[in-house]
């Protein structure tokens, strides 16, 4: 029985293969053809069909890219660009000052500055500190003075003429405080100086500084009157 079943199965498979391949068509046994001849009839010149290479950077859904704008199609320029010309420079002004002036000199400056614009100048209080001197003298005559100077040179002590109301005398140093002058006197004692003493050469006094906060081209020509009253002092920058 097993052998018979195997033979039947082989015959059935061989018959199906012959049927599916159309070998039994002459006897009317063959599968129905799935053909549509009407579609073939509707084709128009199929021999002209060509396969084109598609641009990989462009998909079928992308919109066509418009051509670049030319000079005739470029949008009209908007308003003209602002001018690059820099504005004219402002009239430069600088602060100038001079001093210090004593009261007599300050009065002369006030008179000379009377014709200047209001607010263009000022005399600012600047006290003049007193000055102290290590002093040697007063000697009877120039001969005695010269002899004393020779002694100081031999001891290598710096000195000069005292001047003013302290002639004939010698200055061994000038100082802004009495204490500083006395320290120098003690130091000179170690060098053999015995007859010197500390005197006040000039007392504290009121003083003034001339200040011109904004000197421009319009004001500069008017400063000549001030210069004649400045007692030889010159204007300098306030900084």
C-alpha atoms as a PDB file:
ATOM      1  CA  UNK A   1       0.000   0.000   0.000  1.00  0.00           C
ATOM      2  CA  UNK A   2       2.762   2.456   0.798  1.00  0.00           C
ATOM      3  CA  UNK A   3       4.399   1.861  -2.547  1.00  0.00           C
ATOM      4  CA  UNK A   4       1.090   2.469  -4.328  1.00  0.00           C
ATOM      5  CA  UNK A   5       0.509   5.734  -2.471  1.00  0.00           C
ATOM      6  CA  UNK A   6       3.971   6.985  -3.414  1.00  0.00           C
ATOM      7  CA  UNK A   7       3.373   6.121  -7.075  1.00  0.00           C
ATOM      8  CA  UNK A   8       0.002   7.937  -7.042  1.00  0.00           C
ATOM      9  CA  UNK A   9       1.585  11.066  -5.453  1.00  0.00           C
ATOM     10  CA  UNK A  10       4.353  11.159  -8.046  1.00  0.00           C
ATOM     11  CA  UNK A  11       1.858  10.790 -10.898  1.00  0.00           C
ATOM     12  CA  UNK A  12      -0.310  13.585  -9.429  1.00  0.00           C
ATOM     13  CA  UNK A  13       2.662  15.964  -9.188  1.00  0.00           C
ATOM     14  CA  UNK A  14       3.773  15.166 -12.705  1.00  0.00           C
ATOM     15  CA  UNK A  15       0.248  15.775 -14.000  1.00  0.00           C
ATOM     16  CA  UNK A  16      -0.005  19.184 -12.241  1.00  0.00           C
ATOM     17  CA  UNK A  17       3.340  20.259 -13.606  1.00  0.00           C
ATOM     18  CA  UNK A  18       2.319  19.287 -17.164  1.00  0.00           C
ATOM     19  CA  UNK A  19      -1.014  21.136 -16.750  1.00  0.00           C
ATOM     20  CA  UNK A  20       0.512  24.317 -15.331  1.00  0.00           C
ATOM     21  CA  UNK A  21       3.120  24.459 -18.101  1.00  0.00           C
ATOM     22  CA  UNK A  22       0.520  24.057 -20.845  1.00  0.00           C
ATOM     23  CA  UNK A  23       1.737  20.673 -22.023  1.00  0.00           C
ATOM     24  CA  UNK A  24      -1.831  19.315 -21.901  1.00  0.00           C
ATOM     25  CA  UNK A  25      -3.287  22.252 -23.870  1.00  0.00           C
ATOM     26  CA  UNK A  26      -3.805  20.091 -27.047  1.00  0.00           C
ATOM     27  CA  UNK A  27      -6.160  17.931 -24.985  1.00  0.00           C
ATOM     28  CA  UNK A  28      -8.003  21.001 -23.598  1.00  0.00           C
ATOM     29  CA  UNK A  29      -6.315  20.924 -20.204  1.00  0.00           C
ATOM     30  CA  UNK A  30      -4.423  24.196 -19.458  1.00  0.00           C
ATOM     31  CA  UNK A  31      -4.706  27.194 -17.046  1.00  0.00           C
ATOM     32  CA  UNK A  32      -6.529  30.348 -18.281  1.00  0.00           C
ATOM     33  CA  UNK A  33      -4.134  33.090 -19.569  1.00  0.00           C
ATOM     34  CA  UNK A  34      -4.150  36.411 -17.610  1.00  0.00           C
ATOM     35  CA  UNK A  35      -3.488  38.671 -20.628  1.00  0.00           C
ATOM     36  CA  UNK A  36      -5.066  42.059 -21.511  1.00  0.00           C
ATOM     37  CA  UNK A  37      -4.564  42.575 -25.227  1.00  0.00           C
ATOM     38  CA  UNK A  38      -6.605  45.821 -25.150  1.00  0.00           C
ATOM     39  CA  UNK A  39      -3.815  47.607 -23.161  1.00  0.00           C
ATOM     40  CA  UNK A  40      -1.274  46.664 -25.763  1.00  0.00           C
ATOM     41  CA  UNK A  41      -3.549  48.166 -28.400  1.00  0.00           C
ATOM     42  CA  UNK A  42      -3.721  51.497 -26.496  1.00  0.00           C
ATOM     43  CA  UNK A  43       0.071  52.081 -26.437  1.00  0.00           C
ATOM     44  CA  UNK A  44       1.320  54.944 -28.666  1.00  0.00           C
ATOM     45  CA  UNK A  45       4.726  54.364 -30.268  1.00  0.00           C
ATOM     46  CA  UNK A  46       6.237  52.312 -27.422  1.00  0.00           C
ATOM     47  CA  UNK A  47       9.520  52.082 -29.363  1.00  0.00           C
ATOM     48  CA  UNK A  48      10.204  55.812 -28.636  1.00  0.00           C
ATOM     49  CA  UNK A  49      10.178  55.305 -24.854  1.00  0.00           C
ATOM     50  CA  UNK A  50      13.520  56.370 -23.270  1.00  0.00           C
ATOM     51  CA  UNK A  51      14.786  56.024 -19.727  1.00  0.00           C
ATOM     52  CA  UNK A  52      16.086  59.418 -18.500  1.00  0.00           C
ATOM     53  CA  UNK A  53      18.568  59.982 -15.652  1.00  0.00           C
ATOM     54  CA  UNK A  54      16.937  61.777 -12.765  1.00  0.00           C
ATOM     55  CA  UNK A  55      18.795  64.626 -10.963  1.00  0.00           C
ATOM     56  CA  UNK A  56      19.406  63.214  -7.433  1.00  0.00           C
ATOM     57  CA  UNK A  57      19.180  66.689  -5.884  1.00  0.00           C
ATOM     58  CA  UNK A  58      15.705  67.334  -7.266  1.00  0.00           C
ATOM     59  CA  UNK A  59      12.521  65.460  -6.382  1.00  0.00           C
ATOM     60  CA  UNK A  60       9.364  65.288  -8.341  1.00  0.00           C
ATOM     61  CA  UNK A  61       7.571  67.361  -5.697  1.00  0.00           C
ATOM     62  CA  UNK A  62      10.032  70.294  -5.741  1.00  0.00           C
ATOM     63  CA  UNK A  63       8.902  73.465  -7.447  1.00  0.00           C
ATOM     64  CA  UNK A  64      10.910  74.777 -10.416  1.00  0.00           C
ATOM     65  CA  UNK A  65      13.685  77.131  -9.421  1.00  0.00           C
ATOM     66  CA  UNK A  66      13.207  80.586 -10.950  1.00  0.00           C
ATOM     67  CA  UNK A  67      16.097  81.920 -13.016  1.00  0.00           C
ATOM     68  CA  UNK A  68      18.450  84.368 -11.272  1.00  0.00           C
ATOM     69  CA  UNK A  69      17.469  87.988 -11.488  1.00  0.00           C
ATOM     70  CA  UNK A  70      19.295  90.019 -14.077  1.00  0.00           C
ATOM     71  CA  UNK A  71      19.978  93.715 -14.153  1.00  0.00           C
ATOM     72  CA  UNK A  72      16.616  94.275 -15.860  1.00  0.00           C
ATOM     73  CA  UNK A  73      14.647  92.112 -13.399  1.00  0.00           C
ATOM     74  CA  UNK A  74      16.464  93.109 -10.145  1.00  0.00           C
ATOM     75  CA  UNK A  75      14.283  95.063  -7.739  1.00  0.00           C
ATOM     76  CA  UNK A  76      14.701  98.793  -7.831  1.00  0.00           C
ATOM     77  CA  UNK A  77      17.026 100.278  -5.262  1.00  0.00           C
ATOM     78  CA  UNK A  78      15.406 101.663  -2.173  1.00  0.00           C
ATOM     79  CA  UNK A  79      16.212 105.044  -0.785  1.00  0.00           C
ATOM     80  CA  UNK A  80      19.734 106.299  -1.335  1.00  0.00           C
ATOM     81  CA  UNK A  81      22.351 105.294   1.259  1.00  0.00           C
ATOM     82  CA  UNK A  82      23.219 107.985   3.794  1.00  0.00           C
ATOM     83  CA  UNK A  83      26.265 110.055   3.013  1.00  0.00           C
ATOM     84  CA  UNK A  84      29.580 108.784   4.474  1.00  0.00           C
ATOM     85  CA  UNK A  85      31.007 112.297   4.707  1.00  0.00           C
ATOM     86  CA  UNK A  86      31.901 112.927   8.376  1.00  0.00           C
ATOM     87  CA  UNK A  87      30.533 116.055  10.007  1.00  0.00           C
ATOM     88  CA  UNK A  88      32.945 118.941  10.364  1.00  0.00           C
ATOM     89  CA  UNK A  89      34.996 118.718  13.563  1.00  0.00           C
ATOM     90  CA  UNK A  90      33.836 120.816  16.455  1.00  0.00           C
ATOM     91  CA  UNK A  91      35.888 123.801  17.515  1.00  0.00           C
ATOM     92  CA  UNK A  92      38.431 122.211  19.904  1.00  0.00           C
ATOM     93  CA  UNK A  93      38.649 123.743  23.360  1.00  0.00           C
ATOM     94  CA  UNK A  94      41.301 123.150  25.996  1.00  0.00           C
ATOM     95  CA  UNK A  95      41.812 124.073  29.616  1.00  0.00           C
ATOM     96  CA  UNK A  96      44.823 126.324  30.331  1.00  0.00           C
ATOM     97  CA  UNK A  97      46.214 127.697  33.570  1.00  0.00           C
ATOM     98  CA  UNK A  98      49.120 129.740  34.941  1.00  0.00           C
ATOM     99  CA  UNK A  99      50.416 130.703  38.347  1.00  0.00           C
ATOM    100  CA  UNK A 100      50.856 130.973  41.210  1.00  0.00           C
ATOM    101  CA  UNK A 101      50.392 134.795  41.452  1.00  0.00           C
ATOM    102  CA  UNK A 102      50.564 136.945  44.545  1.00  0.00           C
ATOM    103  CA  UNK A 103      47.916 139.547  45.417  1.00  0.00           C
ATOM    104  CA  UNK A 104      49.557 142.361  43.482  1.00  0.00           C
ATOM    105  CA  UNK A 105      49.908 140.216  40.353  1.00  0.00           C
ATOM    106  CA  UNK A 106      46.337 138.968  40.736  1.00  0.00           C
ATOM    107  CA  UNK A 107      45.017 142.543  40.688  1.00  0.00           C
ATOM    108  CA  UNK A 108      46.864 143.178  37.417  1.00  0.00           C
ATOM    109  CA  UNK A 109      45.352 140.005  35.932  1.00  0.00           C
ATOM    110  CA  UNK A 110      41.819 141.019  36.938  1.00  0.00           C
ATOM    111  CA  UNK A 111      42.215 144.309  35.127  1.00  0.00           C
ATOM    112  CA  UNK A 112      43.650 142.632  31.995  1.00  0.00           C
ATOM    113  CA  UNK A 113      40.870 139.989  31.890  1.00  0.00           C
ATOM    114  CA  UNK A 114      38.002 142.481  32.250  1.00  0.00           C
ATOM    115  CA  UNK A 115      37.332 142.424  28.496  1.00  0.00           C
ATOM    116  CA  UNK A 116      37.121 138.612  28.181  1.00  0.00           C
ATOM    117  CA  UNK A 117      33.743 136.829  27.949  1.00  0.00           C
ATOM    118  CA  UNK A 118      32.062 136.195  31.277  1.00  0.00           C
ATOM    119  CA  UNK A 119      32.887 132.759  32.675  1.00  0.00           C
ATOM    120  CA  UNK A 120      35.901 132.279  30.386  1.00  0.00           C
ATOM    121  CA  UNK A 121      38.448 132.852  33.186  1.00  0.00           C
ATOM    122  CA  UNK A 122      38.838 132.595  36.945  1.00  0.00           C
ATOM    123  CA  UNK A 123      41.421 133.309  39.641  1.00  0.00           C
ATOM    124  CA  UNK A 124      41.371 130.321  41.987  1.00  0.00           C
ATOM    125  CA  UNK A 125      42.818 130.730  45.512  1.00  0.00           C
ATOM    126  CA  UNK A 126      46.130 128.886  45.817  1.00  0.00           C
ATOM    127  CA  UNK A 127      47.922 129.677  49.108  1.00  0.00           C
ATOM    128  CA  UNK A 128      51.657 130.283  48.788  1.00  0.00           C
ATOM    129  CA  UNK A 129      53.461 128.270  51.435  1.00  0.00           C
ATOM    130  CA  UNK A 130      56.150 129.965  53.460  1.00  0.00           C
ATOM    131  CA  UNK A 131      59.796 129.054  52.962  1.00  0.00           C
ATOM    132  CA  UNK A 132      62.512 128.411  55.501  1.00  0.00           C
ATOM    133  CA  UNK A 133      66.277 128.680  55.044  1.00  0.00           C
ATOM    134  CA  UNK A 134      69.402 127.388  56.703  1.00  0.00           C
ATOM    135  CA  UNK A 135      71.187 130.736  56.736  1.00  0.00           C
ATOM    136  CA  UNK A 136      74.724 131.871  57.389  1.00  0.00           C
ATOM    137  CA  UNK A 137      75.429 135.616  57.775  1.00  0.00           C
ATOM    138  CA  UNK A 138      74.881 138.573  57.604  1.00  0.00           C
ATOM    139  CA  UNK A 139      78.510 139.305  56.758  1.00  0.00           C
ATOM    140  CA  UNK A 140      80.057 142.769  56.873  1.00  0.00           C
ATOM    141  CA  UNK A 141      81.337 142.827  53.290  1.00  0.00           C
ATOM    142  CA  UNK A 142      81.928 140.753  50.165  1.00  0.00           C
ATOM    143  CA  UNK A 143      85.456 139.860  51.263  1.00  0.00           C
ATOM    144  CA  UNK A 144      84.136 138.148  54.390  1.00  0.00           C
ATOM    145  CA  UNK A 145      81.421 136.503  52.298  1.00  0.00           C
ATOM    146  CA  UNK A 146      83.948 135.084  49.824  1.00  0.00           C
ATOM    147  CA  UNK A 147      86.136 133.772  52.647  1.00  0.00           C
ATOM    148  CA  UNK A 148      83.182 131.941  54.179  1.00  0.00           C
ATOM    149  CA  UNK A 149      82.261 130.457  50.805  1.00  0.00           C
ATOM    150  CA  UNK A 150      85.782 129.038  50.469  1.00  0.00           C
ATOM    151  CA  UNK A 151      85.415 127.360  53.856  1.00  0.00           C
ATOM    152  CA  UNK A 152      82.105 125.767  52.832  1.00  0.00           C
ATOM    153  CA  UNK A 153      83.589 124.471  49.579  1.00  0.00           C
ATOM    154  CA  UNK A 154      86.423 122.869  51.556  1.00  0.00           C
ATOM    155  CA  UNK A 155      83.811 121.061  53.694  1.00  0.00           C
ATOM    156  CA  UNK A 156      81.865 120.127  50.532  1.00  0.00           C
ATOM    157  CA  UNK A 157      78.733 121.942  51.697  1.00  0.00           C
ATOM    158  CA  UNK A 158      76.369 123.156  48.987  1.00  0.00           C
ATOM    159  CA  UNK A 159      75.415 126.839  49.232  1.00  0.00           C
ATOM    160  CA  UNK A 160      74.417 129.919  47.253  1.00  0.00           C
ATOM    161  CA  UNK A 161      73.770 133.615  47.779  1.00  0.00           C
ATOM    162  CA  UNK A 162      70.772 134.271  50.021  1.00  0.00           C
ATOM    163  CA  UNK A 163      69.561 137.287  48.051  1.00  0.00           C
ATOM    164  CA  UNK A 164      66.952 139.893  48.892  1.00  0.00           C
ATOM    165  CA  UNK A 165      66.951 141.328  52.411  1.00  0.00           C
ATOM    166  CA  UNK A 166      69.314 138.572  53.576  1.00  0.00           C
ATOM    167  CA  UNK A 167      72.387 139.928  51.773  1.00  0.00           C
ATOM    168  CA  UNK A 168      75.320 139.673  52.510  1.00  0.00           C
ATOM    169  CA  UNK A 169      74.555 136.116  53.495  1.00  0.00           C
ATOM    170  CA  UNK A 170      74.603 132.493  52.292  1.00  0.00           C
ATOM    171  CA  UNK A 171      71.825 129.951  51.972  1.00  0.00           C
ATOM    172  CA  UNK A 172      72.721 126.353  52.829  1.00  0.00           C
ATOM    173  CA  UNK A 173      69.291 125.058  51.823  1.00  0.00           C
ATOM    174  CA  UNK A 174      65.652 126.173  51.421  1.00  0.00           C
ATOM    175  CA  UNK A 175      62.694 124.170  52.797  1.00  0.00           C
ATOM    176  CA  UNK A 176      58.896 124.385  52.891  1.00  0.00           C
ATOM    177  CA  UNK A 177      58.722 123.668  56.637  1.00  0.00           C
ATOM    178  CA  UNK A 178      60.712 124.826  59.620  1.00  0.00           C
ATOM    179  CA  UNK A 179      61.118 121.237  60.825  1.00  0.00           C
ATOM    180  CA  UNK A 180      62.842 120.199  57.584  1.00  0.00           C
ATOM    181  CA  UNK A 181      65.207 123.161  57.815  1.00  0.00           C
ATOM    182  CA  UNK A 182      66.134 122.296  61.410  1.00  0.00           C
ATOM    183  CA  UNK A 183      66.911 118.691  60.458  1.00  0.00           C
ATOM    184  CA  UNK A 184      69.282 119.936  57.772  1.00  0.00           C
ATOM    185  CA  UNK A 185      70.947 122.288  60.275  1.00  0.00           C
ATOM    186  CA  UNK A 186      71.642 119.318  62.563  1.00  0.00           C
ATOM    187  CA  UNK A 187      73.087 117.392  59.631  1.00  0.00           C
ATOM    188  CA  UNK A 188      75.384 120.297  58.715  1.00  0.00           C
ATOM    189  CA  UNK A 189      76.690 120.382  62.288  1.00  0.00           C
ATOM    190  CA  UNK A 190      78.279 116.974  61.675  1.00  0.00           C
ATOM    191  CA  UNK A 191      80.256 118.592  58.832  1.00  0.00           C
ATOM    192  CA  UNK A 192      81.704 121.325  61.019  1.00  0.00           C
ATOM    193  CA  UNK A 193      79.175 124.093  60.268  1.00  0.00           C
ATOM    194  CA  UNK A 194      78.714 126.011  63.564  1.00  0.00           C
ATOM    195  CA  UNK A 195      77.459 129.535  62.790  1.00  0.00           C
ATOM    196  CA  UNK A 196      74.391 128.751  60.606  1.00  0.00           C
ATOM    197  CA  UNK A 197      70.806 129.122  61.842  1.00  0.00           C
ATOM    198  CA  UNK A 198      67.235 128.623  60.581  1.00  0.00           C
ATOM    199  CA  UNK A 199      65.354 131.718  59.370  1.00  0.00           C
ATOM    200  CA  UNK A 200      62.033 132.241  57.605  1.00  0.00           C
ATOM    201  CA  UNK A 201      62.816 133.494  54.140  1.00  0.00           C
ATOM    202  CA  UNK A 202      59.174 134.022  53.147  1.00  0.00           C
ATOM    203  CA  UNK A 203      55.980 133.855  55.249  1.00  0.00           C
ATOM    204  CA  UNK A 204      52.770 132.091  54.191  1.00  0.00           C
ATOM    205  CA  UNK A 205      50.846 134.306  51.759  1.00  0.00           C
ATOM    206  CA  UNK A 206      47.640 134.221  49.721  1.00  0.00           C
ATOM    207  CA  UNK A 207      48.116 133.221  46.090  1.00  0.00           C
ATOM    208  CA  UNK A 208      46.018 132.684  42.976  1.00  0.00           C
ATOM    209  CA  UNK A 209      46.053 130.443  39.918  1.00  0.00           C
ATOM    210  CA  UNK A 210      44.692 131.815  36.635  1.00  0.00           C
ATOM    211  CA  UNK A 211      42.397 129.211  35.047  1.00  0.00           C
ATOM    212  CA  UNK A 212      40.841 129.334  31.551  1.00  0.00           C
ATOM    213  CA  UNK A 213      38.546 126.271  31.401  1.00  0.00           C
ATOM    214  CA  UNK A 214      37.618 126.328  27.689  1.00  0.00           C
ATOM    215  CA  UNK A 215      40.015 128.137  25.356  1.00  0.00           C
ATOM    216  CA  UNK A 216      38.831 127.797  21.748  1.00  0.00           C
ATOM    217  CA  UNK A 217      39.787 129.433  18.458  1.00  0.00           C
ATOM    218  CA  UNK A 218      37.533 132.411  19.159  1.00  0.00           C
ATOM    219  CA  UNK A 219      39.102 133.093  22.576  1.00  0.00           C
ATOM    220  CA  UNK A 220      42.790 132.565  21.776  1.00  0.00           C
ATOM    221  CA  UNK A 221      43.362 135.919  20.008  1.00  0.00           C
ATOM    222  CA  UNK A 222      42.013 137.721  23.100  1.00  0.00           C
ATOM    223  CA  UNK A 223      44.651 136.244  25.448  1.00  0.00           C
ATOM    224  CA  UNK A 224      47.411 138.661  24.437  1.00  0.00           C
ATOM    225  CA  UNK A 225      46.213 141.199  27.007  1.00  0.00           C
ATOM    226  CA  UNK A 226      46.488 138.545  29.722  1.00  0.00           C
ATOM    227  CA  UNK A 227      50.023 137.529  28.791  1.00  0.00           C
ATOM    228  CA  UNK A 228      51.308 141.038  29.349  1.00  0.00           C
ATOM    229  CA  UNK A 229      50.081 140.869  32.985  1.00  0.00           C
ATOM    230  CA  UNK A 230      51.310 137.348  33.792  1.00  0.00           C
ATOM    231  CA  UNK A 231      54.691 138.434  35.226  1.00  0.00           C
ATOM    232  CA  UNK A 232      56.647 136.167  32.908  1.00  0.00           C
ATOM    233  CA  UNK A 233      54.595 133.028  33.688  1.00  0.00           C
ATOM    234  CA  UNK A 234      53.238 130.950  30.791  1.00  0.00           C
ATOM    235  CA  UNK A 235      49.932 129.217  30.177  1.00  0.00           C
ATOM    236  CA  UNK A 236      50.040 125.418  30.382  1.00  0.00           C
ATOM    237  CA  UNK A 237      47.543 122.574  30.156  1.00  0.00           C
ATOM    238  CA  UNK A 238      45.369 122.027  33.238  1.00  0.00           C
ATOM    239  CA  UNK A 239      46.065 118.285  33.206  1.00  0.00           C
END
